[in-house]
């Protein structure tokens, strides 16, 4: 599931100790004045960077949801061998969700 906003994570990334309030509906940010001076441009730039990283990992999230449980995979290996497990269970998911 995609995060609604990367703004709070961007602020925490720039200054983990920063106290702030973020209003998602209006995109308003209120930063405690005693915190490090973070500009809105820095926050938006960092949010874009975090979103880019998140988007680049979409294939990994999709694969994780598509693979059978670890127990089912181990059972399949036990009964069918590693080569068959790879061709029957792993390769189809990797083909469906290729790495970036």
C-alpha atoms as a PDB file:
ATOM      1  CA  UNK A   1       0.000   0.000   0.000  1.00  0.00           C
ATOM      2  CA  UNK A   2       1.353   3.407  -0.978  1.00  0.00           C
ATOM      3  CA  UNK A   3       1.901   5.990   1.760  1.00  0.00           C
ATOM      4  CA  UNK A   4      -0.408   8.997   1.453  1.00  0.00           C
ATOM      5  CA  UNK A   5       2.405  11.487   1.863  1.00  0.00           C
ATOM      6  CA  UNK A   6       6.169  11.409   2.051  1.00  0.00           C
ATOM      7  CA  UNK A   7       6.300  14.833   3.759  1.00  0.00           C
ATOM      8  CA  UNK A   8       6.436  13.565   7.391  1.00  0.00           C
ATOM      9  CA  UNK A   9       9.123  11.020   6.476  1.00  0.00           C
ATOM     10  CA  UNK A  10      11.090  13.713   4.658  1.00  0.00           C
ATOM     11  CA  UNK A  11      11.076  15.934   7.757  1.00  0.00           C
ATOM     12  CA  UNK A  12      12.185  13.028   9.950  1.00  0.00           C
ATOM     13  CA  UNK A  13      14.902  12.193   7.443  1.00  0.00           C
ATOM     14  CA  UNK A  14      16.237  15.759   7.474  1.00  0.00           C
ATOM     15  CA  UNK A  15      16.036  16.136  11.251  1.00  0.00           C
ATOM     16  CA  UNK A  16      15.004  13.100  13.331  1.00  0.00           C
ATOM     17  CA  UNK A  17      14.567  15.278  16.438  1.00  0.00           C
ATOM     18  CA  UNK A  18      12.332  17.846  14.729  1.00  0.00           C
ATOM     19  CA  UNK A  19       8.897  18.356  16.228  1.00  0.00           C
ATOM     20  CA  UNK A  20       6.244  19.216  13.678  1.00  0.00           C
ATOM     21  CA  UNK A  21       2.592  18.951  12.770  1.00  0.00           C
ATOM     22  CA  UNK A  22       1.590  17.998   9.240  1.00  0.00           C
ATOM     23  CA  UNK A  23      -1.933  18.532   7.922  1.00  0.00           C
ATOM     24  CA  UNK A  24      -2.321  16.092   5.047  1.00  0.00           C
ATOM     25  CA  UNK A  25      -5.526  17.561   3.679  1.00  0.00           C
ATOM     26  CA  UNK A  26      -4.014  20.998   3.162  1.00  0.00           C
ATOM     27  CA  UNK A  27      -0.325  20.007   2.879  1.00  0.00           C
ATOM     28  CA  UNK A  28       0.375  22.511   5.662  1.00  0.00           C
ATOM     29  CA  UNK A  29       3.498  21.966   7.777  1.00  0.00           C
ATOM     30  CA  UNK A  30       4.100  23.576  11.163  1.00  0.00           C
ATOM     31  CA  UNK A  31       7.649  23.060  12.414  1.00  0.00           C
ATOM     32  CA  UNK A  32       8.733  23.844  15.964  1.00  0.00           C
ATOM     33  CA  UNK A  33      10.893  26.983  15.803  1.00  0.00           C
ATOM     34  CA  UNK A  34      13.473  25.489  18.165  1.00  0.00           C
ATOM     35  CA  UNK A  35      14.131  22.765  15.588  1.00  0.00           C
ATOM     36  CA  UNK A  36      16.770  22.839  12.918  1.00  0.00           C
ATOM     37  CA  UNK A  37      15.980  25.344  10.187  1.00  0.00           C
ATOM     38  CA  UNK A  38      14.471  23.248   7.449  1.00  0.00           C
ATOM     39  CA  UNK A  39      13.144  24.994   4.380  1.00  0.00           C
ATOM     40  CA  UNK A  40      10.043  23.933   2.530  1.00  0.00           C
ATOM     41  CA  UNK A  41      12.199  23.378  -0.564  1.00  0.00           C
ATOM     42  CA  UNK A  42      14.432  20.964   1.365  1.00  0.00           C
ATOM     43  CA  UNK A  43      11.378  19.097   2.642  1.00  0.00           C
ATOM     44  CA  UNK A  44       9.792  18.798  -0.806  1.00  0.00           C
ATOM     45  CA  UNK A  45      13.109  17.732  -2.380  1.00  0.00           C
ATOM     46  CA  UNK A  46      13.614  15.057   0.268  1.00  0.00           C
ATOM     47  CA  UNK A  47       9.997  13.880  -0.154  1.00  0.00           C
ATOM     48  CA  UNK A  48      10.601  13.438  -3.894  1.00  0.00           C
ATOM     49  CA  UNK A  49      13.810  11.501  -3.177  1.00  0.00           C
ATOM     50  CA  UNK A  50      11.987   9.185  -0.733  1.00  0.00           C
ATOM     51  CA  UNK A  51       9.108   8.683  -3.157  1.00  0.00           C
ATOM     52  CA  UNK A  52      11.565   7.758  -5.918  1.00  0.00           C
ATOM     53  CA  UNK A  53      13.163   5.135  -3.667  1.00  0.00           C
ATOM     54  CA  UNK A  54       9.720   3.801  -2.718  1.00  0.00           C
ATOM     55  CA  UNK A  55       8.601   3.596  -6.356  1.00  0.00           C
ATOM     56  CA  UNK A  56      11.804   1.800  -7.366  1.00  0.00           C
ATOM     57  CA  UNK A  57      10.974  -0.984  -4.902  1.00  0.00           C
ATOM     58  CA  UNK A  58       7.448  -1.667  -6.231  1.00  0.00           C
ATOM     59  CA  UNK A  59       8.585  -4.900  -7.870  1.00  0.00           C
ATOM     60  CA  UNK A  60       9.911  -6.193  -4.520  1.00  0.00           C
ATOM     61  CA  UNK A  61       6.643  -5.430  -2.708  1.00  0.00           C
ATOM     62  CA  UNK A  62       4.639  -7.123  -5.485  1.00  0.00           C
ATOM     63  CA  UNK A  63       6.886 -10.183  -5.433  1.00  0.00           C
ATOM     64  CA  UNK A  64       6.637 -10.493  -1.663  1.00  0.00           C
ATOM     65  CA  UNK A  65       2.832 -10.531  -1.856  1.00  0.00           C
ATOM     66  CA  UNK A  66       2.843 -13.076  -4.701  1.00  0.00           C
ATOM     67  CA  UNK A  67       5.240 -15.701  -3.370  1.00  0.00           C
ATOM     68  CA  UNK A  68       3.710 -18.612  -1.465  1.00  0.00           C
ATOM     69  CA  UNK A  69       4.387 -18.809   2.258  1.00  0.00           C
ATOM     70  CA  UNK A  70       7.808 -20.003   3.371  1.00  0.00           C
ATOM     71  CA  UNK A  71       6.288 -23.208   4.693  1.00  0.00           C
ATOM     72  CA  UNK A  72       4.599 -23.948   1.364  1.00  0.00           C
ATOM     73  CA  UNK A  73       7.842 -23.255  -0.490  1.00  0.00           C
ATOM     74  CA  UNK A  74       9.856 -25.544   1.774  1.00  0.00           C
ATOM     75  CA  UNK A  75       7.256 -28.279   1.404  1.00  0.00           C
ATOM     76  CA  UNK A  76       7.411 -27.907  -2.388  1.00  0.00           C
ATOM     77  CA  UNK A  77      11.221 -28.151  -2.322  1.00  0.00           C
ATOM     78  CA  UNK A  78      11.022 -31.258  -0.153  1.00  0.00           C
ATOM     79  CA  UNK A  79       8.606 -33.016  -2.507  1.00  0.00           C
ATOM     80  CA  UNK A  80       9.830 -31.685  -5.875  1.00  0.00           C
ATOM     81  CA  UNK A  81      13.409 -30.457  -5.498  1.00  0.00           C
ATOM     82  CA  UNK A  82      15.028 -27.041  -5.733  1.00  0.00           C
ATOM     83  CA  UNK A  83      15.131 -26.878  -9.552  1.00  0.00           C
ATOM     84  CA  UNK A  84      11.379 -27.496  -9.871  1.00  0.00           C
ATOM     85  CA  UNK A  85      10.646 -25.055  -7.028  1.00  0.00           C
ATOM     86  CA  UNK A  86      12.573 -22.364  -8.869  1.00  0.00           C
ATOM     87  CA  UNK A  87      10.879 -22.959 -12.232  1.00  0.00           C
ATOM     88  CA  UNK A  88       7.382 -23.513 -10.825  1.00  0.00           C
ATOM     89  CA  UNK A  89       7.186 -21.016  -7.935  1.00  0.00           C
ATOM     90  CA  UNK A  90       9.900 -18.409  -8.206  1.00  0.00           C
ATOM     91  CA  UNK A  91      10.483 -17.727 -11.903  1.00  0.00           C
ATOM     92  CA  UNK A  92       6.801 -16.996 -12.729  1.00  0.00           C
ATOM     93  CA  UNK A  93       6.655 -14.312 -10.022  1.00  0.00           C
ATOM     94  CA  UNK A  94       9.961 -12.789 -11.143  1.00  0.00           C
ATOM     95  CA  UNK A  95       8.694 -12.749 -14.737  1.00  0.00           C
ATOM     96  CA  UNK A  96       5.429 -11.107 -13.718  1.00  0.00           C
ATOM     97  CA  UNK A  97       7.223  -8.461 -11.591  1.00  0.00           C
ATOM     98  CA  UNK A  98      10.625  -7.792 -13.181  1.00  0.00           C
ATOM     99  CA  UNK A  99      13.253  -5.854 -11.315  1.00  0.00           C
ATOM    100  CA  UNK A 100      13.182  -2.158 -12.227  1.00  0.00           C
END
